[in-house]
Amino acid sequence: MATEYAQPASREVLTEAAAALIENGFLAEVADDGPDAKRRALEKIPKGAEVYTAQSATLNALGIAEAIDESGEYDSVRKKLASMDRATQADEMRALGARPQYIIGSPQAITRDGQVVMASYGGSQLAGYVSGARHVVWVVGAQKIVENLDEAFDRIDTHALPLESARLEAAIGVPSRANNILLIRAAVRPRFNVVLVPEALGF
């Protein structure tokens, strides 16, 4: 595992990355700390809204996934999916995950010039990110800011993937692979909200 990718970027670098994201059409801001990031993220999602929480150690660490999926204050797509039968309702499950009103998660890397890179084992969250969800919220720890795309892909392979693979194997007995990688260079409409956190959070 590449330990250099676990080091949080400075607030100055976070501010530069936020400015680059804004230049590329994203909505971006730097939170004061983890609790402030949670508050900012949840403020972007109205109570009662349909929300899909993509699997994310960052969301879990901040209590965001629990607030959405367990509080009863939101229409949780993940809770709906958990109650469905994949053998008989696979098409409905794919549709629910692909076009939620809101999707919230955390990418594996953001470059200093404002490009966003995500990796996924199954790809279930990527359709929502690309175009299916009406609104996208990302909460991103400071250690995920990298210099360029080469570092972004290296961070996925040498740092994020080993950690996620260990988590997945412990949970379901199957190691993870970065089967699907999504690069978003710019936003064509203002549907992406990015909250950068001056702490190392998630993978």
N, C-alpha and C. Protein backbone atom coordinates (compact mmCIF):
# COMPACT_ATOMS: atom_id res chain seq x y z
N MET A 1 0.85 -1.20 0.00
CA MET A 1 0.00 0.00 0.00
C MET A 1 0.89 1.24 0.00
N ALA A 2 0.56 2.21 -0.85
CA ALA A 2 1.36 3.43 -0.98
C ALA A 2 0.97 4.43 0.10
N THR A 3 1.81 4.54 1.12
CA THR A 3 1.44 5.38 2.27
C THR A 3 1.42 6.86 1.95
N GLU A 4 2.13 7.28 0.88
CA GLU A 4 2.10 8.71 0.55
C GLU A 4 0.71 9.20 0.19
N TYR A 5 -0.15 8.28 -0.27
CA TYR A 5 -1.51 8.66 -0.63
C TYR A 5 -2.45 8.72 0.56
N ALA A 6 -1.92 8.47 1.75
CA ALA A 6 -2.72 8.59 2.97
C ALA A 6 -2.52 9.95 3.64
N GLN A 7 -1.60 10.76 3.12
CA GLN A 7 -1.27 12.04 3.75
C GLN A 7 -2.24 13.13 3.28
N PRO A 8 -2.89 13.83 4.20
CA PRO A 8 -3.84 14.88 3.79
C PRO A 8 -3.14 16.09 3.19
N ALA A 9 -3.73 16.63 2.16
CA ALA A 9 -3.23 17.87 1.55
C ALA A 9 -3.48 19.04 2.49
N SER A 10 -2.72 20.09 2.30
CA SER A 10 -2.88 21.29 3.11
C SER A 10 -4.17 22.01 2.74
N ARG A 11 -4.60 22.90 3.61
CA ARG A 11 -5.79 23.70 3.30
C ARG A 11 -5.57 24.55 2.05
N GLU A 12 -4.34 25.01 1.86
CA GLU A 12 -4.03 25.79 0.66
C GLU A 12 -4.26 24.97 -0.60
N VAL A 13 -3.81 23.72 -0.59
CA VAL A 13 -4.02 22.84 -1.74
C VAL A 13 -5.50 22.53 -1.92
N LEU A 14 -6.23 22.31 -0.81
CA LEU A 14 -7.67 22.08 -0.91
C LEU A 14 -8.37 23.28 -1.54
N THR A 15 -7.96 24.47 -1.14
CA THR A 15 -8.57 25.68 -1.70
C THR A 15 -8.29 25.78 -3.19
N GLU A 16 -7.06 25.44 -3.59
CA GLU A 16 -6.71 25.46 -5.02
C GLU A 16 -7.54 24.43 -5.79
N ALA A 17 -7.69 23.24 -5.22
CA ALA A 17 -8.48 22.20 -5.88
C ALA A 17 -9.94 22.61 -6.01
N ALA A 18 -10.49 23.23 -4.96
CA ALA A 18 -11.88 23.70 -5.01
C ALA A 18 -12.05 24.74 -6.12
N ALA A 19 -11.08 25.65 -6.24
CA ALA A 19 -11.16 26.67 -7.29
C ALA A 19 -11.09 26.03 -8.67
N ALA A 20 -10.25 25.01 -8.83
CA ALA A 20 -10.15 24.31 -10.11
C ALA A 20 -11.44 23.57 -10.44
N LEU A 21 -12.04 22.94 -9.43
CA LEU A 21 -13.33 22.27 -9.65
C LEU A 21 -14.39 23.27 -10.10
N ILE A 22 -14.43 24.41 -9.45
CA ILE A 22 -15.40 25.45 -9.83
C ILE A 22 -15.16 25.91 -11.26
N GLU A 23 -13.90 26.08 -11.62
CA GLU A 23 -13.55 26.47 -12.99
C GLU A 23 -14.05 25.43 -14.00
N ASN A 24 -14.09 24.18 -13.58
CA ASN A 24 -14.55 23.09 -14.46
C ASN A 24 -16.05 22.84 -14.38
N GLY A 25 -16.77 23.70 -13.68
CA GLY A 25 -18.23 23.61 -13.68
C GLY A 25 -18.85 22.90 -12.50
N PHE A 26 -18.02 22.40 -11.57
CA PHE A 26 -18.54 21.78 -10.36
C PHE A 26 -18.86 22.87 -9.33
N LEU A 27 -19.71 22.54 -8.37
CA LEU A 27 -19.90 23.37 -7.19
C LEU A 27 -19.00 22.78 -6.12
N ALA A 28 -18.12 23.57 -5.51
CA ALA A 28 -17.14 23.03 -4.59
C ALA A 28 -16.89 23.98 -3.44
N GLU A 29 -16.58 23.39 -2.28
CA GLU A 29 -16.30 24.18 -1.09
C GLU A 29 -15.41 23.37 -0.16
N VAL A 30 -14.73 24.07 0.74
CA VAL A 30 -13.86 23.43 1.72
C VAL A 30 -14.50 23.56 3.09
N ALA A 31 -14.77 22.44 3.74
CA ALA A 31 -15.36 22.45 5.07
C ALA A 31 -14.31 22.78 6.12
N ASP A 32 -14.78 23.14 7.31
CA ASP A 32 -13.87 23.42 8.42
C ASP A 32 -13.28 22.14 9.01
N ASP A 33 -14.11 21.10 9.08
CA ASP A 33 -13.69 19.83 9.67
C ASP A 33 -14.73 18.77 9.31
N GLY A 34 -14.59 17.56 9.87
CA GLY A 34 -15.52 16.49 9.55
C GLY A 34 -16.96 16.79 9.88
N PRO A 35 -17.28 17.23 11.11
CA PRO A 35 -18.67 17.55 11.44
C PRO A 35 -19.26 18.63 10.55
N ASP A 36 -18.43 19.62 10.19
CA ASP A 36 -18.90 20.68 9.31
C ASP A 36 -19.17 20.12 7.91
N ALA A 37 -18.34 19.19 7.47
CA ALA A 37 -18.56 18.55 6.16
C ALA A 37 -19.87 17.78 6.15
N LYS A 38 -20.14 17.06 7.23
CA LYS A 38 -21.41 16.32 7.33
C LYS A 38 -22.59 17.29 7.24
N ARG A 39 -22.51 18.39 7.99
CA ARG A 39 -23.59 19.37 7.98
C ARG A 39 -23.79 19.93 6.58
N ARG A 40 -22.70 20.32 5.93
CA ARG A 40 -22.80 20.90 4.58
C ARG A 40 -23.38 19.91 3.58
N ALA A 41 -22.94 18.65 3.67
CA ALA A 41 -23.44 17.65 2.73
C ALA A 41 -24.93 17.41 2.91
N LEU A 42 -25.37 17.25 4.16
CA LEU A 42 -26.78 16.98 4.40
C LEU A 42 -27.65 18.18 4.09
N GLU A 43 -27.11 19.39 4.21
CA GLU A 43 -27.88 20.58 3.86
C GLU A 43 -28.22 20.62 2.38
N LYS A 44 -27.46 19.91 1.57
CA LYS A 44 -27.70 19.92 0.13
C LYS A 44 -28.78 18.93 -0.29
N ILE A 45 -29.27 18.14 0.65
CA ILE A 45 -30.28 17.11 0.35
C ILE A 45 -31.52 17.39 1.18
N PRO A 46 -32.63 17.78 0.57
CA PRO A 46 -33.84 18.07 1.34
C PRO A 46 -34.36 16.85 2.07
N LYS A 47 -34.91 17.05 3.24
CA LYS A 47 -35.55 15.95 3.96
C LYS A 47 -36.68 15.37 3.11
N GLY A 48 -36.77 14.07 3.11
CA GLY A 48 -37.78 13.39 2.31
C GLY A 48 -37.35 13.06 0.90
N ALA A 49 -36.19 13.58 0.47
CA ALA A 49 -35.72 13.32 -0.89
C ALA A 49 -35.28 11.87 -1.05
N GLU A 50 -35.38 11.38 -2.27
CA GLU A 50 -34.88 10.05 -2.60
C GLU A 50 -33.36 10.13 -2.72
N VAL A 51 -32.64 9.30 -1.95
CA VAL A 51 -31.18 9.37 -1.91
C VAL A 51 -30.58 7.98 -2.00
N TYR A 52 -29.58 7.85 -2.85
CA TYR A 52 -28.80 6.62 -2.94
C TYR A 52 -27.43 6.89 -2.33
N THR A 53 -27.09 6.21 -1.25
CA THR A 53 -25.76 6.33 -0.65
C THR A 53 -24.86 5.29 -1.28
N ALA A 54 -23.90 5.74 -2.07
CA ALA A 54 -22.92 4.82 -2.64
C ALA A 54 -22.02 4.31 -1.52
N GLN A 55 -21.57 3.06 -1.62
CA GLN A 55 -20.70 2.50 -0.60
C GLN A 55 -19.48 3.40 -0.43
N SER A 56 -19.22 3.85 0.80
CA SER A 56 -18.14 4.80 1.01
C SER A 56 -17.68 4.77 2.46
N ALA A 57 -16.37 4.50 2.66
CA ALA A 57 -15.82 4.57 4.01
C ALA A 57 -15.88 6.00 4.54
N THR A 58 -15.81 6.98 3.65
CA THR A 58 -15.89 8.39 4.07
C THR A 58 -17.26 8.69 4.65
N LEU A 59 -18.31 8.30 3.95
CA LEU A 59 -19.66 8.54 4.45
C LEU A 59 -19.90 7.81 5.76
N ASN A 60 -19.35 6.62 5.88
CA ASN A 60 -19.52 5.87 7.13
C ASN A 60 -18.79 6.55 8.28
N ALA A 61 -17.57 7.02 8.02
CA ALA A 61 -16.77 7.65 9.07
C ALA A 61 -17.43 8.92 9.61
N LEU A 62 -18.10 9.65 8.74
CA LEU A 62 -18.73 10.91 9.14
C LEU A 62 -20.16 10.73 9.64
N GLY A 63 -20.69 9.52 9.56
CA GLY A 63 -22.07 9.28 9.98
C GLY A 63 -23.10 9.74 8.98
N ILE A 64 -22.67 10.02 7.76
CA ILE A 64 -23.61 10.50 6.74
C ILE A 64 -24.48 9.37 6.23
N ALA A 65 -23.89 8.21 5.97
CA ALA A 65 -24.68 7.07 5.49
C ALA A 65 -25.75 6.70 6.50
N GLU A 66 -25.39 6.66 7.77
CA GLU A 66 -26.36 6.33 8.80
C GLU A 66 -27.47 7.37 8.87
N ALA A 67 -27.11 8.65 8.76
CA ALA A 67 -28.11 9.71 8.84
C ALA A 67 -29.12 9.61 7.71
N ILE A 68 -28.67 9.16 6.54
CA ILE A 68 -29.57 9.06 5.39
C ILE A 68 -30.36 7.75 5.40
N ASP A 69 -29.66 6.66 5.65
CA ASP A 69 -30.28 5.34 5.49
C ASP A 69 -31.04 4.85 6.72
N GLU A 70 -30.74 5.39 7.90
CA GLU A 70 -31.33 4.86 9.12
C GLU A 70 -32.21 5.85 9.88
N SER A 71 -32.18 7.12 9.53
CA SER A 71 -32.91 8.11 10.32
C SER A 71 -34.40 8.14 10.02
N GLY A 72 -34.79 7.66 8.84
CA GLY A 72 -36.18 7.76 8.43
C GLY A 72 -36.55 9.12 7.88
N GLU A 73 -35.57 10.02 7.79
CA GLU A 73 -35.85 11.37 7.31
C GLU A 73 -35.69 11.50 5.79
N TYR A 74 -35.17 10.45 5.16
CA TYR A 74 -34.96 10.47 3.71
C TYR A 74 -35.56 9.21 3.10
N ASP A 75 -35.81 9.26 1.81
CA ASP A 75 -36.28 8.10 1.06
C ASP A 75 -35.05 7.34 0.59
N SER A 76 -34.60 6.40 1.40
CA SER A 76 -33.33 5.72 1.17
C SER A 76 -33.43 4.64 0.09
N VAL A 77 -32.69 4.83 -1.00
CA VAL A 77 -32.65 3.81 -2.05
C VAL A 77 -31.97 2.55 -1.53
N ARG A 78 -30.93 2.72 -0.73
CA ARG A 78 -30.20 1.55 -0.23
C ARG A 78 -31.11 0.66 0.62
N LYS A 79 -31.97 1.25 1.42
CA LYS A 79 -32.89 0.45 2.22
C LYS A 79 -33.90 -0.28 1.33
N LYS A 80 -34.35 0.38 0.28
CA LYS A 80 -35.24 -0.29 -0.66
C LYS A 80 -34.54 -1.48 -1.31
N LEU A 81 -33.30 -1.28 -1.75
CA LEU A 81 -32.56 -2.35 -2.41
C LEU A 81 -32.36 -3.53 -1.48
N ALA A 82 -32.12 -3.25 -0.20
CA ALA A 82 -31.88 -4.33 0.77
C ALA A 82 -33.11 -5.20 0.97
N SER A 83 -34.28 -4.66 0.67
CA SER A 83 -35.52 -5.42 0.86
C SER A 83 -35.97 -6.15 -0.41
N MET A 84 -35.21 -6.01 -1.49
CA MET A 84 -35.61 -6.58 -2.77
C MET A 84 -34.86 -7.88 -3.05
N ASP A 85 -35.41 -8.67 -3.95
CA ASP A 85 -34.85 -9.98 -4.32
C ASP A 85 -34.13 -9.86 -5.65
N ARG A 86 -32.78 -9.98 -5.60
CA ARG A 86 -32.00 -9.81 -6.83
C ARG A 86 -32.36 -10.86 -7.89
N ALA A 87 -32.78 -12.02 -7.46
CA ALA A 87 -33.10 -13.09 -8.42
C ALA A 87 -34.32 -12.75 -9.26
N THR A 88 -35.28 -12.02 -8.68
CA THR A 88 -36.53 -11.73 -9.38
C THR A 88 -36.73 -10.25 -9.69
N GLN A 89 -35.94 -9.37 -9.05
CA GLN A 89 -36.14 -7.93 -9.22
C GLN A 89 -34.88 -7.20 -9.67
N ALA A 90 -34.01 -7.89 -10.37
CA ALA A 90 -32.72 -7.31 -10.75
C ALA A 90 -32.89 -6.06 -11.61
N ASP A 91 -33.84 -6.08 -12.55
CA ASP A 91 -34.03 -4.92 -13.41
C ASP A 91 -34.50 -3.70 -12.62
N GLU A 92 -35.45 -3.92 -11.71
CA GLU A 92 -35.93 -2.81 -10.87
C GLU A 92 -34.80 -2.28 -9.97
N MET A 93 -33.95 -3.15 -9.48
CA MET A 93 -32.86 -2.74 -8.62
C MET A 93 -31.84 -1.90 -9.39
N ARG A 94 -31.53 -2.32 -10.60
CA ARG A 94 -30.60 -1.53 -11.42
C ARG A 94 -31.18 -0.16 -11.73
N ALA A 95 -32.46 -0.11 -12.02
CA ALA A 95 -33.10 1.18 -12.33
C ALA A 95 -33.09 2.12 -11.13
N LEU A 96 -33.36 1.58 -9.95
CA LEU A 96 -33.36 2.40 -8.73
C LEU A 96 -31.99 3.01 -8.49
N GLY A 97 -30.93 2.21 -8.65
CA GLY A 97 -29.59 2.70 -8.40
C GLY A 97 -29.09 3.64 -9.47
N ALA A 98 -29.61 3.53 -10.68
CA ALA A 98 -29.09 4.31 -11.81
C ALA A 98 -29.70 5.70 -11.90
N ARG A 99 -30.90 5.91 -11.34
CA ARG A 99 -31.56 7.21 -11.56
C ARG A 99 -32.20 7.76 -10.28
N PRO A 100 -31.46 7.79 -9.17
CA PRO A 100 -32.03 8.39 -7.96
C PRO A 100 -32.13 9.91 -8.10
N GLN A 101 -32.95 10.50 -7.27
CA GLN A 101 -33.01 11.97 -7.27
C GLN A 101 -31.66 12.53 -6.80
N TYR A 102 -31.12 11.96 -5.73
CA TYR A 102 -29.80 12.35 -5.22
C TYR A 102 -28.94 11.10 -5.08
N ILE A 103 -27.65 11.27 -5.35
CA ILE A 103 -26.67 10.23 -5.01
C ILE A 103 -25.54 10.90 -4.25
N ILE A 104 -25.06 10.26 -3.20
CA ILE A 104 -23.98 10.81 -2.40
C ILE A 104 -22.91 9.75 -2.22
N GLY A 105 -21.66 10.14 -2.37
CA GLY A 105 -20.56 9.20 -2.23
C GLY A 105 -19.25 9.93 -2.11
N SER A 106 -18.16 9.25 -2.49
CA SER A 106 -16.84 9.84 -2.39
C SER A 106 -15.93 9.24 -3.45
N PRO A 107 -15.36 10.06 -4.34
CA PRO A 107 -14.43 9.54 -5.34
C PRO A 107 -13.10 9.14 -4.69
N GLN A 108 -12.29 8.41 -5.44
CA GLN A 108 -10.99 7.97 -4.92
C GLN A 108 -9.89 9.01 -5.12
N ALA A 109 -10.09 9.94 -6.06
CA ALA A 109 -9.04 10.94 -6.31
C ALA A 109 -9.62 12.16 -7.01
N ILE A 110 -9.07 13.31 -6.67
CA ILE A 110 -9.34 14.56 -7.39
C ILE A 110 -8.00 15.22 -7.69
N THR A 111 -7.78 15.58 -8.94
CA THR A 111 -6.53 16.23 -9.30
C THR A 111 -6.56 17.71 -8.93
N ARG A 112 -5.37 18.28 -8.80
CA ARG A 112 -5.31 19.69 -8.42
C ARG A 112 -5.88 20.60 -9.50
N ASP A 113 -6.01 20.10 -10.74
CA ASP A 113 -6.64 20.92 -11.78
C ASP A 113 -8.13 20.59 -11.94
N GLY A 114 -8.71 19.89 -10.95
CA GLY A 114 -10.16 19.76 -10.89
C GLY A 114 -10.78 18.66 -11.72
N GLN A 115 -10.11 17.52 -11.85
CA GLN A 115 -10.69 16.35 -12.50
C GLN A 115 -10.96 15.29 -11.43
N VAL A 116 -12.06 14.56 -11.61
CA VAL A 116 -12.52 13.62 -10.58
C VAL A 116 -12.43 12.19 -11.13
N VAL A 117 -11.85 11.29 -10.31
CA VAL A 117 -11.66 9.90 -10.74
C VAL A 117 -12.28 8.97 -9.71
N MET A 118 -13.08 8.02 -10.19
CA MET A 118 -13.74 7.04 -9.33
C MET A 118 -13.51 5.63 -9.85
N ALA A 119 -13.34 4.69 -8.92
CA ALA A 119 -13.22 3.28 -9.28
C ALA A 119 -14.32 2.51 -8.58
N SER A 120 -14.77 1.43 -9.23
CA SER A 120 -15.87 0.64 -8.67
C SER A 120 -15.71 -0.82 -9.07
N TYR A 121 -15.99 -1.70 -8.13
CA TYR A 121 -15.97 -3.14 -8.41
C TYR A 121 -17.11 -3.53 -9.35
N GLY A 122 -18.35 -3.15 -8.98
CA GLY A 122 -19.51 -3.55 -9.78
C GLY A 122 -20.05 -2.46 -10.69
N GLY A 123 -19.73 -1.20 -10.39
CA GLY A 123 -20.16 -0.10 -11.24
C GLY A 123 -21.55 0.43 -10.96
N SER A 124 -22.21 -0.05 -9.88
CA SER A 124 -23.61 0.29 -9.67
C SER A 124 -23.85 1.78 -9.45
N GLN A 125 -22.86 2.49 -8.89
CA GLN A 125 -23.07 3.91 -8.61
C GLN A 125 -22.68 4.81 -9.78
N LEU A 126 -21.99 4.27 -10.78
CA LEU A 126 -21.40 5.14 -11.80
C LEU A 126 -22.45 5.74 -12.74
N ALA A 127 -23.51 5.00 -13.03
CA ALA A 127 -24.55 5.55 -13.91
C ALA A 127 -25.20 6.78 -13.30
N GLY A 128 -25.44 6.72 -11.98
CA GLY A 128 -26.00 7.88 -11.29
C GLY A 128 -25.08 9.07 -11.34
N TYR A 129 -23.78 8.83 -11.17
CA TYR A 129 -22.82 9.92 -11.22
C TYR A 129 -22.76 10.57 -12.60
N VAL A 130 -22.73 9.74 -13.64
CA VAL A 130 -22.56 10.28 -14.99
C VAL A 130 -23.75 11.13 -15.41
N SER A 131 -24.98 10.59 -15.28
CA SER A 131 -26.13 11.36 -15.76
C SER A 131 -27.46 10.98 -15.12
N GLY A 132 -27.53 9.80 -14.46
CA GLY A 132 -28.82 9.32 -14.00
C GLY A 132 -29.40 10.10 -12.84
N ALA A 133 -28.57 10.48 -11.88
CA ALA A 133 -29.06 11.21 -10.71
C ALA A 133 -29.26 12.69 -11.05
N ARG A 134 -30.30 13.25 -10.48
CA ARG A 134 -30.54 14.68 -10.70
C ARG A 134 -29.49 15.53 -9.98
N HIS A 135 -29.06 15.06 -8.81
CA HIS A 135 -28.07 15.79 -8.02
C HIS A 135 -27.02 14.81 -7.51
N VAL A 136 -25.76 15.25 -7.49
CA VAL A 136 -24.65 14.44 -7.00
C VAL A 136 -23.94 15.21 -5.89
N VAL A 137 -23.70 14.54 -4.75
CA VAL A 137 -22.94 15.13 -3.66
C VAL A 137 -21.75 14.22 -3.37
N TRP A 138 -20.55 14.81 -3.37
CA TRP A 138 -19.34 14.07 -3.03
C TRP A 138 -18.70 14.69 -1.81
N VAL A 139 -18.29 13.86 -0.87
CA VAL A 139 -17.56 14.31 0.31
C VAL A 139 -16.18 13.67 0.23
N VAL A 140 -15.13 14.50 0.25
CA VAL A 140 -13.81 14.03 -0.14
C VAL A 140 -12.76 14.41 0.91
N GLY A 141 -12.09 13.40 1.46
CA GLY A 141 -11.00 13.63 2.40
C GLY A 141 -9.79 14.25 1.72
N ALA A 142 -9.00 15.00 2.51
CA ALA A 142 -7.88 15.77 1.97
C ALA A 142 -6.78 14.91 1.38
N GLN A 143 -6.70 13.63 1.79
CA GLN A 143 -5.64 12.77 1.26
C GLN A 143 -5.92 12.32 -0.17
N LYS A 144 -7.11 12.62 -0.68
CA LYS A 144 -7.47 12.18 -2.03
C LYS A 144 -7.11 13.19 -3.11
N ILE A 145 -6.54 14.33 -2.72
CA ILE A 145 -6.09 15.32 -3.71
C ILE A 145 -4.73 14.90 -4.23
N VAL A 146 -4.61 14.79 -5.54
CA VAL A 146 -3.36 14.36 -6.17
C VAL A 146 -2.95 15.38 -7.23
N GLU A 147 -1.70 15.27 -7.69
CA GLU A 147 -1.18 16.25 -8.64
C GLU A 147 -1.82 16.15 -10.01
N ASN A 148 -2.01 14.92 -10.50
CA ASN A 148 -2.43 14.74 -11.89
C ASN A 148 -3.12 13.38 -12.05
N LEU A 149 -3.52 13.08 -13.28
CA LEU A 149 -4.25 11.84 -13.53
C LEU A 149 -3.37 10.61 -13.33
N ASP A 150 -2.09 10.70 -13.65
CA ASP A 150 -1.21 9.55 -13.41
C ASP A 150 -1.23 9.18 -11.93
N GLU A 151 -1.14 10.20 -11.05
CA GLU A 151 -1.19 9.93 -9.62
C GLU A 151 -2.57 9.44 -9.20
N ALA A 152 -3.62 9.93 -9.84
CA ALA A 152 -4.97 9.49 -9.50
C ALA A 152 -5.12 7.99 -9.74
N PHE A 153 -4.68 7.52 -10.89
CA PHE A 153 -4.80 6.09 -11.20
C PHE A 153 -3.87 5.26 -10.32
N ASP A 154 -2.67 5.80 -10.04
CA ASP A 154 -1.75 5.09 -9.16
C ASP A 154 -2.32 5.01 -7.75
N ARG A 155 -2.97 6.09 -7.29
CA ARG A 155 -3.57 6.08 -5.96
C ARG A 155 -4.64 4.99 -5.86
N ILE A 156 -5.44 4.85 -6.90
CA ILE A 156 -6.47 3.81 -6.91
C ILE A 156 -5.84 2.43 -6.79
N ASP A 157 -4.82 2.15 -7.62
CA ASP A 157 -4.25 0.81 -7.69
C ASP A 157 -3.42 0.45 -6.46
N THR A 158 -2.67 1.41 -5.94
CA THR A 158 -1.70 1.08 -4.89
C THR A 158 -2.17 1.42 -3.48
N HIS A 159 -3.23 2.23 -3.35
CA HIS A 159 -3.68 2.62 -2.02
C HIS A 159 -5.15 2.28 -1.76
N ALA A 160 -6.04 2.86 -2.55
CA ALA A 160 -7.48 2.68 -2.29
C ALA A 160 -7.92 1.24 -2.52
N LEU A 161 -7.45 0.63 -3.60
CA LEU A 161 -7.91 -0.73 -3.92
C LEU A 161 -7.52 -1.76 -2.86
N PRO A 162 -6.28 -1.78 -2.38
CA PRO A 162 -5.97 -2.76 -1.33
C PRO A 162 -6.84 -2.61 -0.08
N LEU A 163 -7.13 -1.37 0.32
CA LEU A 163 -7.97 -1.14 1.49
C LEU A 163 -9.40 -1.59 1.24
N GLU A 164 -9.94 -1.23 0.07
CA GLU A 164 -11.31 -1.62 -0.25
C GLU A 164 -11.42 -3.14 -0.45
N SER A 165 -10.38 -3.74 -1.02
CA SER A 165 -10.41 -5.18 -1.23
C SER A 165 -10.44 -5.92 0.11
N ALA A 166 -9.65 -5.44 1.07
CA ALA A 166 -9.66 -6.06 2.40
C ALA A 166 -11.03 -5.91 3.06
N ARG A 167 -11.66 -4.74 2.89
CA ARG A 167 -12.99 -4.51 3.48
C ARG A 167 -14.01 -5.44 2.85
N LEU A 168 -13.99 -5.55 1.52
CA LEU A 168 -14.98 -6.35 0.83
C LEU A 168 -14.79 -7.84 1.13
N GLU A 169 -13.55 -8.29 1.19
CA GLU A 169 -13.30 -9.70 1.47
C GLU A 169 -13.77 -10.05 2.88
N ALA A 170 -13.57 -9.13 3.83
CA ALA A 170 -14.04 -9.38 5.19
C ALA A 170 -15.57 -9.41 5.25
N ALA A 171 -16.21 -8.58 4.40
CA ALA A 171 -17.67 -8.47 4.44
C ALA A 171 -18.36 -9.62 3.72
N ILE A 172 -17.86 -9.97 2.52
CA ILE A 172 -18.58 -10.96 1.72
C ILE A 172 -17.70 -12.09 1.20
N GLY A 173 -16.42 -12.07 1.59
CA GLY A 173 -15.54 -13.15 1.19
C GLY A 173 -14.99 -13.05 -0.21
N VAL A 174 -15.15 -11.88 -0.85
CA VAL A 174 -14.67 -11.69 -2.23
C VAL A 174 -13.77 -10.46 -2.27
N PRO A 175 -12.54 -10.57 -2.76
CA PRO A 175 -11.69 -9.39 -2.86
C PRO A 175 -12.19 -8.45 -3.96
N SER A 176 -11.90 -7.16 -3.81
CA SER A 176 -12.36 -6.18 -4.78
C SER A 176 -11.36 -6.01 -5.92
N ARG A 177 -11.86 -5.53 -7.03
CA ARG A 177 -11.01 -5.14 -8.16
C ARG A 177 -11.55 -3.82 -8.70
N ALA A 178 -10.68 -3.01 -9.27
CA ALA A 178 -11.11 -1.75 -9.88
C ALA A 178 -11.57 -2.03 -11.31
N ASN A 179 -12.68 -2.74 -11.42
CA ASN A 179 -13.17 -3.17 -12.73
C ASN A 179 -13.64 -2.00 -13.60
N ASN A 180 -14.19 -0.99 -12.94
CA ASN A 180 -14.77 0.15 -13.67
C ASN A 180 -14.14 1.44 -13.14
N ILE A 181 -13.61 2.25 -14.03
CA ILE A 181 -13.01 3.52 -13.64
C ILE A 181 -13.68 4.64 -14.42
N LEU A 182 -14.13 5.65 -13.70
CA LEU A 182 -14.83 6.78 -14.30
C LEU A 182 -14.01 8.05 -14.09
N LEU A 183 -13.80 8.79 -15.17
CA LEU A 183 -13.13 10.09 -15.11
C LEU A 183 -14.13 11.15 -15.54
N ILE A 184 -14.35 12.14 -14.69
CA ILE A 184 -15.19 13.28 -15.04
C ILE A 184 -14.29 14.52 -15.07
N ARG A 185 -14.08 15.04 -16.25
CA ARG A 185 -13.17 16.18 -16.44
C ARG A 185 -13.84 17.50 -16.11
N ALA A 186 -15.13 17.59 -16.40
CA ALA A 186 -15.86 18.85 -16.18
C ALA A 186 -17.34 18.54 -16.10
N ALA A 187 -18.08 19.46 -15.52
CA ALA A 187 -19.53 19.32 -15.37
C ALA A 187 -20.23 20.14 -16.44
N VAL A 188 -21.16 19.52 -17.16
CA VAL A 188 -21.86 20.24 -18.22
C VAL A 188 -23.05 21.03 -17.67
N ARG A 189 -23.48 20.69 -16.45
CA ARG A 189 -24.51 21.47 -15.78
C ARG A 189 -24.26 21.39 -14.28
N PRO A 190 -24.74 22.36 -13.51
CA PRO A 190 -24.37 22.44 -12.08
C PRO A 190 -25.14 21.44 -11.20
N ARG A 191 -24.82 20.16 -11.37
CA ARG A 191 -25.49 19.13 -10.58
C ARG A 191 -24.55 18.44 -9.59
N PHE A 192 -23.26 18.78 -9.64
CA PHE A 192 -22.26 18.17 -8.77
C PHE A 192 -21.89 19.12 -7.63
N ASN A 193 -22.07 18.68 -6.39
CA ASN A 193 -21.62 19.42 -5.21
C ASN A 193 -20.47 18.65 -4.57
N VAL A 194 -19.33 19.29 -4.42
CA VAL A 194 -18.15 18.65 -3.85
C VAL A 194 -17.79 19.35 -2.54
N VAL A 195 -17.76 18.58 -1.46
CA VAL A 195 -17.36 19.10 -0.15
C VAL A 195 -16.00 18.49 0.19
N LEU A 196 -14.97 19.33 0.21
CA LEU A 196 -13.62 18.88 0.55
C LEU A 196 -13.41 19.03 2.05
N VAL A 197 -12.80 18.01 2.66
CA VAL A 197 -12.63 17.97 4.11
C VAL A 197 -11.15 18.02 4.46
N PRO A 198 -10.72 18.93 5.34
CA PRO A 198 -9.30 19.03 5.68
C PRO A 198 -8.85 17.95 6.66
N GLU A 199 -9.23 16.71 6.40
CA GLU A 199 -8.87 15.55 7.21
C GLU A 199 -8.70 14.36 6.28
N ALA A 200 -7.94 13.36 6.72
CA ALA A 200 -7.85 12.11 5.98
C ALA A 200 -9.05 11.25 6.35
N LEU A 201 -9.92 11.02 5.37
CA LEU A 201 -11.14 10.25 5.59
C LEU A 201 -11.32 9.23 4.48
N GLY A 202 -11.70 8.04 4.84
CA GLY A 202 -11.97 7.03 3.82
C GLY A 202 -10.71 6.51 3.18
N PHE A 203 -10.91 5.84 2.02
CA PHE A 203 -9.79 5.19 1.32
C PHE A 203 -9.27 6.07 0.20
